[in-house]
N, C-alpha and C. Protein backbone atom coordinates (compact mmCIF):
# COMPACT_ATOMS: atom_id res chain seq x y z
N PRO A 1 17.98 6.01 -1.56
CA PRO A 1 18.25 7.25 -0.83
C PRO A 1 17.19 8.31 -1.11
N GLU A 2 16.96 9.13 -0.16
CA GLU A 2 15.95 10.19 -0.30
C GLU A 2 16.43 11.32 -1.21
N GLU A 3 17.72 11.61 -1.19
CA GLU A 3 18.25 12.71 -1.99
C GLU A 3 18.21 12.39 -3.48
N GLY A 4 17.69 13.32 -4.27
CA GLY A 4 17.72 13.19 -5.71
C GLY A 4 16.69 12.25 -6.32
N ARG A 5 15.85 11.66 -5.51
CA ARG A 5 14.86 10.76 -6.08
C ARG A 5 13.67 11.55 -6.61
N PRO A 6 13.06 11.11 -7.70
CA PRO A 6 11.89 11.81 -8.24
C PRO A 6 10.74 11.83 -7.24
N ALA A 7 9.94 12.86 -7.27
CA ALA A 7 8.83 13.02 -6.33
C ALA A 7 7.81 11.89 -6.44
N ASN A 8 7.65 11.31 -7.63
CA ASN A 8 6.65 10.26 -7.81
C ASN A 8 7.23 8.84 -7.68
N PHE A 9 8.46 8.70 -7.19
CA PHE A 9 9.10 7.40 -7.04
C PHE A 9 8.56 6.70 -5.81
N SER A 10 8.02 5.50 -5.97
CA SER A 10 7.39 4.77 -4.87
C SER A 10 8.33 3.78 -4.20
N GLY A 11 9.50 3.54 -4.78
CA GLY A 11 10.43 2.58 -4.21
C GLY A 11 10.47 1.27 -4.98
N ALA A 12 9.57 1.08 -5.91
CA ALA A 12 9.54 -0.15 -6.70
C ALA A 12 10.64 -0.11 -7.76
N VAL A 13 11.51 -1.11 -7.73
CA VAL A 13 12.59 -1.21 -8.70
C VAL A 13 12.41 -2.52 -9.45
N GLY A 14 12.46 -2.44 -10.76
CA GLY A 14 12.32 -3.64 -11.57
C GLY A 14 11.77 -3.29 -12.94
N ARG A 15 11.27 -4.29 -13.60
CA ARG A 15 10.68 -4.10 -14.93
C ARG A 15 9.26 -4.65 -14.86
N PHE A 16 8.29 -3.74 -14.97
CA PHE A 16 6.89 -4.10 -14.80
C PHE A 16 6.07 -3.70 -16.01
N GLN A 17 5.02 -4.46 -16.24
CA GLN A 17 4.04 -4.11 -17.26
C GLN A 17 2.75 -3.77 -16.53
N LEU A 18 1.99 -2.87 -17.10
CA LEU A 18 0.71 -2.47 -16.53
C LEU A 18 -0.40 -2.95 -17.45
N GLU A 19 -1.35 -3.66 -16.89
CA GLU A 19 -2.55 -4.08 -17.60
C GLU A 19 -3.74 -3.41 -16.93
N SER A 20 -4.69 -2.96 -17.73
CA SER A 20 -5.91 -2.39 -17.15
C SER A 20 -7.11 -3.04 -17.80
N LYS A 21 -8.18 -3.12 -17.03
CA LYS A 21 -9.39 -3.76 -17.53
C LYS A 21 -10.60 -3.08 -16.88
N ILE A 22 -11.62 -2.82 -17.68
CA ILE A 22 -12.88 -2.28 -17.18
C ILE A 22 -13.93 -3.37 -17.35
N GLU A 23 -14.61 -3.68 -16.27
CA GLU A 23 -15.58 -4.77 -16.26
C GLU A 23 -16.69 -4.58 -17.28
N ASN A 24 -17.17 -3.36 -17.43
CA ASN A 24 -18.29 -3.09 -18.32
C ASN A 24 -18.02 -1.76 -19.01
N SER A 25 -17.83 -1.78 -20.31
CA SER A 25 -17.48 -0.54 -21.03
C SER A 25 -18.69 0.36 -21.30
N SER A 26 -19.90 -0.13 -21.01
CA SER A 26 -21.12 0.68 -21.18
C SER A 26 -21.96 0.61 -19.92
N PRO A 27 -21.45 1.14 -18.81
CA PRO A 27 -22.18 1.03 -17.55
C PRO A 27 -23.43 1.91 -17.51
N LYS A 28 -24.35 1.53 -16.66
CA LYS A 28 -25.56 2.31 -16.45
C LYS A 28 -25.36 3.22 -15.24
N THR A 29 -26.06 4.33 -15.23
CA THR A 29 -25.99 5.27 -14.11
C THR A 29 -26.37 4.56 -12.82
N ASN A 30 -25.58 4.82 -11.78
CA ASN A 30 -25.77 4.29 -10.43
C ASN A 30 -25.55 2.77 -10.32
N GLN A 31 -24.95 2.15 -11.33
CA GLN A 31 -24.60 0.74 -11.28
C GLN A 31 -23.08 0.61 -11.14
N PRO A 32 -22.59 -0.15 -10.15
CA PRO A 32 -21.15 -0.24 -9.92
C PRO A 32 -20.39 -0.90 -11.07
N VAL A 33 -19.16 -0.44 -11.25
CA VAL A 33 -18.27 -0.95 -12.28
C VAL A 33 -16.91 -1.18 -11.64
N ASN A 34 -16.27 -2.30 -11.97
CA ASN A 34 -14.95 -2.58 -11.43
C ASN A 34 -13.88 -2.26 -12.46
N ILE A 35 -12.86 -1.51 -12.03
CA ILE A 35 -11.70 -1.20 -12.85
C ILE A 35 -10.51 -1.91 -12.21
N THR A 36 -9.75 -2.67 -13.01
CA THR A 36 -8.60 -3.41 -12.50
C THR A 36 -7.32 -2.85 -13.11
N LEU A 37 -6.35 -2.56 -12.25
CA LEU A 37 -4.99 -2.19 -12.66
C LEU A 37 -4.06 -3.25 -12.10
N ARG A 38 -3.27 -3.87 -12.97
CA ARG A 38 -2.36 -4.94 -12.52
C ARG A 38 -0.95 -4.67 -13.02
N PHE A 39 -0.03 -4.52 -12.08
CA PHE A 39 1.40 -4.38 -12.37
C PHE A 39 2.02 -5.76 -12.19
N GLN A 40 2.76 -6.24 -13.18
CA GLN A 40 3.43 -7.52 -13.03
C GLN A 40 4.76 -7.52 -13.77
N GLY A 41 5.69 -8.29 -13.26
CA GLY A 41 6.99 -8.37 -13.90
C GLY A 41 8.05 -8.83 -12.92
N HIS A 42 9.29 -8.41 -13.16
CA HIS A 42 10.42 -8.77 -12.30
C HIS A 42 10.74 -7.60 -11.39
N GLY A 43 10.86 -7.89 -10.10
CA GLY A 43 11.12 -6.88 -9.09
C GLY A 43 10.11 -7.03 -7.97
N ASN A 44 10.20 -6.15 -6.98
CA ASN A 44 9.30 -6.21 -5.83
C ASN A 44 8.06 -5.37 -6.08
N GLY A 45 7.10 -5.93 -6.79
CA GLY A 45 5.86 -5.23 -7.10
C GLY A 45 4.97 -5.00 -5.89
N LYS A 46 5.24 -5.73 -4.81
CA LYS A 46 4.39 -5.58 -3.62
C LYS A 46 4.43 -4.16 -3.05
N ILE A 47 5.51 -3.42 -3.32
CA ILE A 47 5.60 -2.08 -2.75
C ILE A 47 5.09 -0.99 -3.69
N ILE A 48 4.58 -1.37 -4.85
CA ILE A 48 4.00 -0.38 -5.76
C ILE A 48 2.77 0.23 -5.10
N GLU A 49 2.69 1.54 -5.15
CA GLU A 49 1.55 2.25 -4.57
C GLU A 49 0.51 2.52 -5.65
N MET A 50 -0.71 2.70 -5.21
CA MET A 50 -1.80 3.03 -6.13
C MET A 50 -1.48 4.34 -6.83
N PRO A 51 -1.49 4.35 -8.16
CA PRO A 51 -1.22 5.61 -8.88
C PRO A 51 -2.33 6.63 -8.57
N LYS A 52 -1.97 7.89 -8.60
CA LYS A 52 -2.96 8.93 -8.41
C LYS A 52 -3.75 9.06 -9.71
N LEU A 53 -5.02 8.76 -9.62
CA LEU A 53 -5.88 8.80 -10.79
C LEU A 53 -6.85 9.96 -10.65
N LYS A 54 -7.11 10.62 -11.75
CA LYS A 54 -8.07 11.71 -11.76
C LYS A 54 -9.29 11.24 -12.54
N PHE A 55 -10.35 10.95 -11.80
CA PHE A 55 -11.58 10.46 -12.42
C PHE A 55 -12.44 11.64 -12.85
N PRO A 56 -13.24 11.47 -13.90
CA PRO A 56 -14.12 12.55 -14.35
C PRO A 56 -15.19 12.87 -13.30
N GLN A 57 -15.67 14.09 -13.35
CA GLN A 57 -16.74 14.49 -12.46
C GLN A 57 -17.95 13.60 -12.71
N GLY A 58 -18.62 13.20 -11.66
CA GLY A 58 -19.78 12.33 -11.80
C GLY A 58 -19.45 10.86 -11.65
N LEU A 59 -18.17 10.53 -11.44
CA LEU A 59 -17.75 9.15 -11.23
C LEU A 59 -17.25 9.04 -9.79
N GLU A 60 -17.97 8.33 -8.96
CA GLU A 60 -17.65 8.22 -7.54
C GLU A 60 -16.81 6.97 -7.29
N VAL A 61 -15.66 7.15 -6.65
CA VAL A 61 -14.82 6.01 -6.27
C VAL A 61 -15.36 5.48 -4.96
N TYR A 62 -15.79 4.23 -4.98
CA TYR A 62 -16.46 3.67 -3.83
C TYR A 62 -15.52 2.85 -2.94
N ASP A 63 -14.70 1.99 -3.54
CA ASP A 63 -13.85 1.10 -2.76
C ASP A 63 -12.65 0.66 -3.61
N THR A 64 -11.51 0.42 -2.96
CA THR A 64 -10.33 -0.10 -3.64
C THR A 64 -9.76 -1.25 -2.83
N LYS A 65 -9.51 -2.37 -3.50
CA LYS A 65 -8.90 -3.53 -2.86
C LYS A 65 -7.58 -3.82 -3.56
N THR A 66 -6.63 -4.34 -2.82
CA THR A 66 -5.33 -4.68 -3.40
C THR A 66 -5.01 -6.14 -3.13
N GLU A 67 -4.22 -6.69 -4.04
CA GLU A 67 -3.72 -8.05 -3.91
C GLU A 67 -2.31 -8.05 -4.48
N SER A 68 -1.38 -8.74 -3.82
CA SER A 68 -0.02 -8.80 -4.34
C SER A 68 0.63 -10.13 -3.96
N LYS A 69 1.65 -10.47 -4.75
CA LYS A 69 2.38 -11.71 -4.47
C LYS A 69 3.77 -11.60 -5.05
N PHE A 70 4.74 -12.13 -4.32
CA PHE A 70 6.13 -12.19 -4.75
C PHE A 70 6.50 -13.66 -4.91
N PHE A 71 7.08 -14.02 -6.07
CA PHE A 71 7.45 -15.41 -6.35
C PHE A 71 8.95 -15.60 -6.16
N LYS A 72 9.37 -16.83 -5.91
CA LYS A 72 10.77 -17.15 -5.64
C LYS A 72 11.70 -16.82 -6.80
N ASP A 73 11.18 -16.80 -8.04
CA ASP A 73 12.03 -16.53 -9.20
C ASP A 73 12.22 -15.02 -9.45
N GLY A 74 11.72 -14.18 -8.55
CA GLY A 74 11.92 -12.73 -8.69
C GLY A 74 10.76 -12.00 -9.35
N ARG A 75 9.77 -12.75 -9.84
CA ARG A 75 8.59 -12.11 -10.43
C ARG A 75 7.62 -11.73 -9.31
N SER A 76 6.78 -10.76 -9.59
CA SER A 76 5.76 -10.36 -8.63
C SER A 76 4.65 -9.63 -9.36
N TYR A 77 3.57 -9.41 -8.63
CA TYR A 77 2.49 -8.59 -9.16
C TYR A 77 1.82 -7.85 -8.02
N LYS A 78 1.17 -6.78 -8.39
CA LYS A 78 0.29 -6.07 -7.47
C LYS A 78 -0.91 -5.62 -8.28
N GLN A 79 -2.08 -5.91 -7.75
CA GLN A 79 -3.32 -5.61 -8.46
C GLN A 79 -4.20 -4.72 -7.61
N PHE A 80 -4.78 -3.71 -8.25
CA PHE A 80 -5.72 -2.80 -7.61
C PHE A 80 -7.08 -2.99 -8.28
N ASP A 81 -8.08 -3.31 -7.50
CA ASP A 81 -9.45 -3.41 -8.00
C ASP A 81 -10.22 -2.22 -7.44
N ILE A 82 -10.67 -1.35 -8.33
CA ILE A 82 -11.31 -0.09 -7.95
C ILE A 82 -12.78 -0.15 -8.33
N LEU A 83 -13.64 -0.05 -7.35
CA LEU A 83 -15.08 -0.05 -7.60
C LEU A 83 -15.54 1.40 -7.74
N VAL A 84 -16.12 1.72 -8.89
CA VAL A 84 -16.61 3.08 -9.13
C VAL A 84 -18.10 3.01 -9.47
N ILE A 85 -18.77 4.14 -9.23
CA ILE A 85 -20.19 4.23 -9.55
C ILE A 85 -20.42 5.50 -10.35
N PRO A 86 -20.87 5.37 -11.60
CA PRO A 86 -21.19 6.56 -12.37
C PRO A 86 -22.51 7.16 -11.85
N ARG A 87 -22.45 8.42 -11.44
CA ARG A 87 -23.61 9.07 -10.86
C ARG A 87 -24.38 9.91 -11.89
N GLN A 88 -23.85 10.04 -13.06
CA GLN A 88 -24.55 10.76 -14.13
C GLN A 88 -24.23 10.13 -15.47
N ALA A 89 -25.10 10.27 -16.42
CA ALA A 89 -24.89 9.71 -17.75
C ALA A 89 -23.83 10.52 -18.49
N GLY A 90 -23.15 9.84 -19.40
CA GLY A 90 -22.19 10.57 -20.23
C GLY A 90 -20.88 9.93 -20.38
């Protein structure tokens, strides 16, 4: 229901774990880096929306791809692959 639901509620109900991974922890300026966020667990993870992320100044978000799957046993995952480019050192 719409009434009384938290403003940040996306509709995903279940028990999920979040894993994050950065492809290169020491990237070079102007070289792309992939950041992966993966939600997995029991419930309908396919409807999880990309969290609002606040990236530091000088980090350009270039592209985001998503992948999701729901399994017959009630498990699911949704993965966000975010391509960023650091435009300045630091």
